[in-house]
Amino acid sequence: MIPILHKEITGFFSSLIAHITIGVFLITTSLFLWIFPDSSILDYGYASLDSLFNIAPYTFMFLVPAITMRSIAEERREGTFELLATRPISDWEIILGKYFACLLIVLFALIPTLIYYFTVYQLGLTKGNVDTGAVIGSYIGLFLLGGVFTAIGIFASSIGKNQIVAFMIAVFLCFFAFSGFDSISQLLSLKNIAAYLTMLSINEHYQSVSRGVLDTRDLLYFLSFITLFLAITKTIIGSRKW
């Protein structure tokens, strides 16, 4: 698994798409956090990173699929996946190696955003007047969200050989998983089961973790979601015919 993880990370950062993808993510979050009037901290008037954690899930919907789209689809297109699969490694080692490699790249994209925290920490009217506990909880929630989106992206990449198709499928599934259940629960005819549909929404659990309270139910939800999509990916890969 480790050689696959190393290969994926090295391959990603040796390509131009890595720098473009992470650069666009950081520029987008910076614009929403400091420039755009509806979400700018400077206009908001409070030492808070709420606008970052409100917009980050939607930027993740494009960042993570851009990272994962090539993980399996490109190897299938080039015919190298068959060579990889014939080596003495299990399907799970292949999947987990690629999954953790993509998840580490997501983490690398998040690390530079810590400068926003230190900036807000210094800019407060009372220096350090930031809810650090809530910020830590929000980062944990965002990382868990990245883990779910990465599992979805790996699944989308395993479906076929086209990276663009994998990207589009992953974006749709990430969007639906994050806010689709909330939207469906608001339908008048489904009000009786609205609470249950809301519980299935990633957004509900993400907001819960972002409050700074780590509930085991939220952690189990994220881990279950990740396991589900990785298991489906294993089924797809395991059903290949040589």
Protein backbone atom coordinates (compact mmCIF):
# COMPACT_ATOMS: atom_id res chain seq x y z
CA MET A 1 0.00 0.00 0.00
CA ILE A 2 2.83 2.43 0.88
CA PRO A 3 4.49 2.24 -2.58
CA ILE A 4 1.12 3.00 -4.22
CA LEU A 5 0.57 5.92 -1.85
CA HIS A 6 4.04 7.30 -2.61
CA LYS A 7 3.53 6.81 -6.36
CA GLU A 8 0.20 8.63 -6.33
CA ILE A 9 1.47 11.63 -4.36
CA THR A 10 4.63 11.92 -6.47
CA GLY A 11 2.65 11.60 -9.69
CA PHE A 12 0.11 14.20 -8.64
CA PHE A 13 2.59 16.87 -7.59
CA SER A 14 4.73 16.30 -10.68
CA SER A 15 1.81 17.37 -12.86
CA LEU A 16 0.62 20.90 -13.53
CA ILE A 17 -2.95 20.05 -12.51
CA ALA A 18 -1.86 19.70 -8.87
CA HIS A 19 -0.62 23.26 -8.60
CA ILE A 20 -3.58 24.64 -10.56
CA THR A 21 -6.16 22.73 -8.49
CA ILE A 22 -4.75 23.67 -5.09
CA GLY A 23 -4.02 27.22 -6.27
CA VAL A 24 -7.61 27.75 -7.44
CA PHE A 25 -8.91 26.37 -4.13
CA LEU A 26 -6.76 28.76 -2.07
CA ILE A 27 -7.53 31.77 -4.29
CA THR A 28 -11.28 31.04 -4.17
CA THR A 29 -11.38 30.72 -0.38
CA SER A 30 -9.26 33.87 -0.03
CA LEU A 31 -11.62 35.87 -2.22
CA PHE A 32 -14.67 34.77 -0.23
CA LEU A 33 -12.90 35.33 3.08
CA TRP A 34 -11.36 38.76 2.44
CA ILE A 35 -12.74 40.37 -0.74
CA PHE A 36 -16.37 39.52 -1.55
CA PRO A 37 -18.61 41.80 0.54
CA ASP A 38 -21.25 39.25 1.51
CA SER A 39 -18.71 36.95 3.18
CA SER A 40 -15.68 39.13 3.91
CA ILE A 41 -14.37 39.05 7.47
CA LEU A 42 -13.49 42.73 7.19
CA ASP A 43 -17.14 43.61 6.46
CA TYR A 44 -18.51 41.08 8.95
CA GLY A 45 -16.82 42.90 11.82
CA TYR A 46 -16.17 39.83 13.99
CA ALA A 47 -13.04 37.71 14.42
CA SER A 48 -14.57 34.58 12.97
CA LEU A 49 -13.77 32.05 10.24
CA ASP A 50 -17.40 31.05 9.72
CA SER A 51 -17.38 32.25 6.11
CA LEU A 52 -14.40 29.98 5.35
CA PHE A 53 -16.09 26.90 6.73
CA ASN A 54 -19.38 27.78 5.03
CA ILE A 55 -17.83 28.10 1.57
CA ALA A 56 -15.15 25.38 1.89
CA PRO A 57 -17.56 22.40 1.46
CA TYR A 58 -18.68 23.79 -1.91
CA THR A 59 -15.13 24.39 -3.09
CA PHE A 60 -14.31 20.86 -1.90
CA MET A 61 -16.99 19.56 -4.26
CA PHE A 62 -14.70 20.57 -7.13
CA LEU A 63 -11.27 20.30 -5.49
CA VAL A 64 -11.58 16.69 -4.33
CA PRO A 65 -13.01 15.26 -7.60
CA ALA A 66 -10.20 17.08 -9.46
CA ILE A 67 -7.71 15.26 -7.23
CA THR A 68 -9.32 11.82 -7.42
CA MET A 69 -10.50 11.72 -11.04
CA ARG A 70 -7.21 10.36 -12.36
CA SER A 71 -6.54 7.83 -9.59
CA ILE A 72 -8.04 4.77 -11.32
CA ALA A 73 -9.55 6.11 -14.56
CA GLU A 74 -6.21 7.23 -15.97
CA GLU A 75 -4.53 3.91 -15.17
CA ARG A 76 -7.35 2.04 -16.89
CA ARG A 77 -7.10 4.29 -19.93
CA GLU A 78 -3.35 3.77 -20.19
CA GLY A 79 -3.57 0.04 -19.42
CA THR A 80 -1.33 0.26 -16.35
CA PHE A 81 -4.06 -0.72 -13.90
CA GLU A 82 -4.06 -4.28 -15.21
CA LEU A 83 -0.32 -4.49 -14.59
CA LEU A 84 -0.80 -3.13 -11.08
CA ALA A 85 -3.59 -5.58 -10.33
CA THR A 86 -1.50 -8.60 -11.40
CA ARG A 87 1.13 -7.84 -8.78
CA PRO A 88 1.02 -9.64 -5.40
CA ILE A 89 -1.11 -6.96 -3.73
CA SER A 90 -4.78 -7.11 -2.85
CA ASP A 91 -7.54 -4.93 -4.23
CA TRP A 92 -7.90 -3.33 -0.81
CA GLU A 93 -4.23 -2.35 -0.79
CA ILE A 94 -4.66 -0.69 -4.18
CA ILE A 95 -7.82 1.14 -3.12
CA LEU A 96 -6.53 2.24 0.29
CA GLY A 97 -3.18 3.30 -1.16
CA LYS A 98 -4.92 5.57 -3.66
CA TYR A 99 -7.48 6.74 -1.10
CA PHE A 100 -4.97 7.81 1.54
CA ALA A 101 -2.75 9.42 -1.11
CA CYS A 102 -5.65 11.59 -2.30
CA LEU A 103 -6.66 12.32 1.30
CA LEU A 104 -3.13 13.49 2.10
CA ILE A 105 -3.26 15.82 -0.90
CA VAL A 106 -6.54 17.25 0.43
CA LEU A 107 -4.77 17.79 3.76
CA PHE A 108 -1.88 19.55 1.97
CA ALA A 109 -4.45 21.89 0.40
CA LEU A 110 -5.95 22.66 3.82
CA ILE A 111 -2.70 23.40 5.66
CA PRO A 112 -2.06 26.81 3.97
CA THR A 113 -5.50 28.00 5.14
CA LEU A 114 -4.18 28.00 8.71
CA ILE A 115 -2.70 31.40 7.88
CA TYR A 116 -6.28 32.71 7.86
CA TYR A 117 -6.64 31.67 11.50
CA PHE A 118 -3.41 33.34 12.56
CA THR A 119 -4.36 36.48 10.62
CA VAL A 120 -7.78 36.72 12.29
CA TYR A 121 -6.13 35.93 15.63
CA GLN A 122 -3.89 38.98 15.22
CA LEU A 123 -6.49 41.32 13.69
CA GLY A 124 -9.07 41.03 16.46
CA LEU A 125 -9.82 44.21 18.42
CA THR A 126 -8.78 42.12 21.40
CA LYS A 127 -5.85 40.06 20.18
CA GLY A 128 -6.66 36.34 20.25
CA ASN A 129 -10.42 36.90 20.51
CA VAL A 130 -11.20 33.85 18.36
CA ASP A 131 -13.21 30.78 19.29
CA THR A 132 -10.29 28.38 18.84
CA GLY A 133 -12.35 25.35 19.88
CA ALA A 134 -14.90 26.02 17.16
CA VAL A 135 -12.11 26.54 14.60
CA ILE A 136 -10.49 23.21 15.54
CA GLY A 137 -13.87 21.47 15.33
CA SER A 138 -14.54 23.04 11.95
CA TYR A 139 -11.18 21.89 10.61
CA ILE A 140 -11.87 18.36 11.86
CA GLY A 141 -15.29 18.48 10.22
CA LEU A 142 -13.78 19.75 6.99
CA PHE A 143 -11.15 17.00 7.01
CA LEU A 144 -13.83 14.34 7.61
CA LEU A 145 -15.87 15.88 4.80
CA GLY A 146 -12.78 15.66 2.60
CA GLY A 147 -12.51 11.99 3.54
CA VAL A 148 -16.08 11.32 2.39
CA PHE A 149 -15.64 13.26 -0.85
CA THR A 150 -12.37 11.42 -1.50
CA ALA A 151 -14.11 8.05 -1.13
CA ILE A 152 -16.82 9.22 -3.52
CA GLY A 153 -14.17 10.44 -5.97
CA ILE A 154 -12.27 7.13 -5.88
CA PHE A 155 -15.55 5.33 -6.56
CA ALA A 156 -16.35 7.62 -9.51
CA SER A 157 -12.85 7.11 -10.91
CA SER A 158 -13.27 3.32 -10.78
CA ILE A 159 -16.37 3.32 -12.99
CA GLY A 160 -14.67 3.95 -16.33
CA LYS A 161 -11.62 5.23 -18.19
CA ASN A 162 -12.62 8.84 -18.76
CA GLN A 163 -11.32 11.32 -16.17
CA ILE A 164 -13.81 14.05 -17.12
CA VAL A 165 -16.74 11.68 -16.67
CA ALA A 166 -15.30 10.59 -13.32
CA PHE A 167 -14.98 14.25 -12.29
CA MET A 168 -18.58 15.09 -13.24
CA ILE A 169 -20.01 12.02 -11.50
CA ALA A 170 -18.01 12.78 -8.36
CA VAL A 171 -19.12 16.44 -8.30
CA PHE A 172 -22.77 15.42 -8.62
CA LEU A 173 -22.54 12.73 -5.93
CA CYS A 174 -20.65 15.04 -3.55
CA PHE A 175 -23.25 17.77 -4.02
CA PHE A 176 -26.16 15.38 -3.54
CA ALA A 177 -24.63 13.73 -0.48
CA PHE A 178 -23.93 17.11 1.11
CA SER A 179 -27.18 18.95 0.47
CA GLY A 180 -29.48 16.66 -1.52
CA PHE A 181 -31.13 15.00 1.46
CA ASP A 182 -31.78 18.41 3.04
CA SER A 183 -33.50 19.60 -0.13
CA ILE A 184 -35.60 16.44 -0.44
CA SER A 185 -36.66 16.66 3.22
CA GLN A 186 -38.21 20.08 2.55
CA LEU A 187 -40.76 18.67 0.13
CA LEU A 188 -44.26 18.98 1.56
CA SER A 189 -45.13 15.35 0.86
CA LEU A 190 -42.09 14.11 2.78
CA LYS A 191 -42.46 16.09 5.99
CA ASN A 192 -43.22 12.93 7.96
CA ILE A 193 -39.77 11.54 7.24
CA ALA A 194 -37.93 14.87 7.04
CA ALA A 195 -36.03 14.24 10.27
CA TYR A 196 -34.73 10.90 9.00
CA LEU A 197 -33.67 12.37 5.66
CA THR A 198 -31.87 15.21 7.43
CA MET A 199 -29.95 12.66 9.50
CA LEU A 200 -28.63 11.17 6.24
CA SER A 201 -27.30 14.54 5.09
CA ILE A 202 -23.55 15.13 5.36
CA ASN A 203 -24.25 18.80 5.98
CA GLU A 204 -26.12 18.00 9.18
CA HIS A 205 -23.19 16.05 10.63
CA TYR A 206 -20.63 18.53 9.29
CA GLN A 207 -22.39 21.40 11.06
CA SER A 208 -22.56 19.32 14.22
CA VAL A 209 -18.80 18.67 14.27
CA SER A 210 -18.09 22.31 13.31
CA ARG A 211 -19.66 23.46 16.57
CA GLY A 212 -16.63 22.01 18.34
CA VAL A 213 -18.43 18.99 19.80
CA LEU A 214 -17.10 15.62 18.62
CA ASP A 215 -20.05 13.27 18.89
CA THR A 216 -19.30 9.59 18.26
CA ARG A 217 -22.48 9.39 16.16
CA ASP A 218 -21.07 11.96 13.76
CA LEU A 219 -17.71 10.20 13.57
CA LEU A 220 -19.42 6.85 12.94
CA TYR A 221 -21.52 8.47 10.22
CA PHE A 222 -18.48 9.78 8.35
CA LEU A 223 -16.57 6.51 8.75
CA SER A 224 -19.59 4.50 7.59
CA PHE A 225 -20.01 6.72 4.53
CA ILE A 226 -16.33 6.33 3.66
CA THR A 227 -16.42 2.57 4.17
CA LEU A 228 -19.56 2.24 2.02
CA PHE A 229 -18.05 3.93 -1.04
CA LEU A 230 -14.71 2.18 -0.68
CA ALA A 231 -16.55 -1.15 -0.43
CA ILE A 232 -18.51 -0.35 -3.60
CA THR A 233 -15.22 0.53 -5.30
CA LYS A 234 -13.79 -2.82 -4.18
CA THR A 235 -16.82 -4.58 -5.68
CA ILE A 236 -16.36 -2.76 -9.00
CA ILE A 237 -12.65 -3.53 -9.17
CA GLY A 238 -13.18 -7.11 -8.00
CA SER A 239 -15.72 -7.75 -10.76
CA ARG A 240 -13.25 -6.96 -13.56
CA LYS A 241 -12.70 -9.67 -16.15
CA TRP A 242 -9.32 -10.37 -17.64
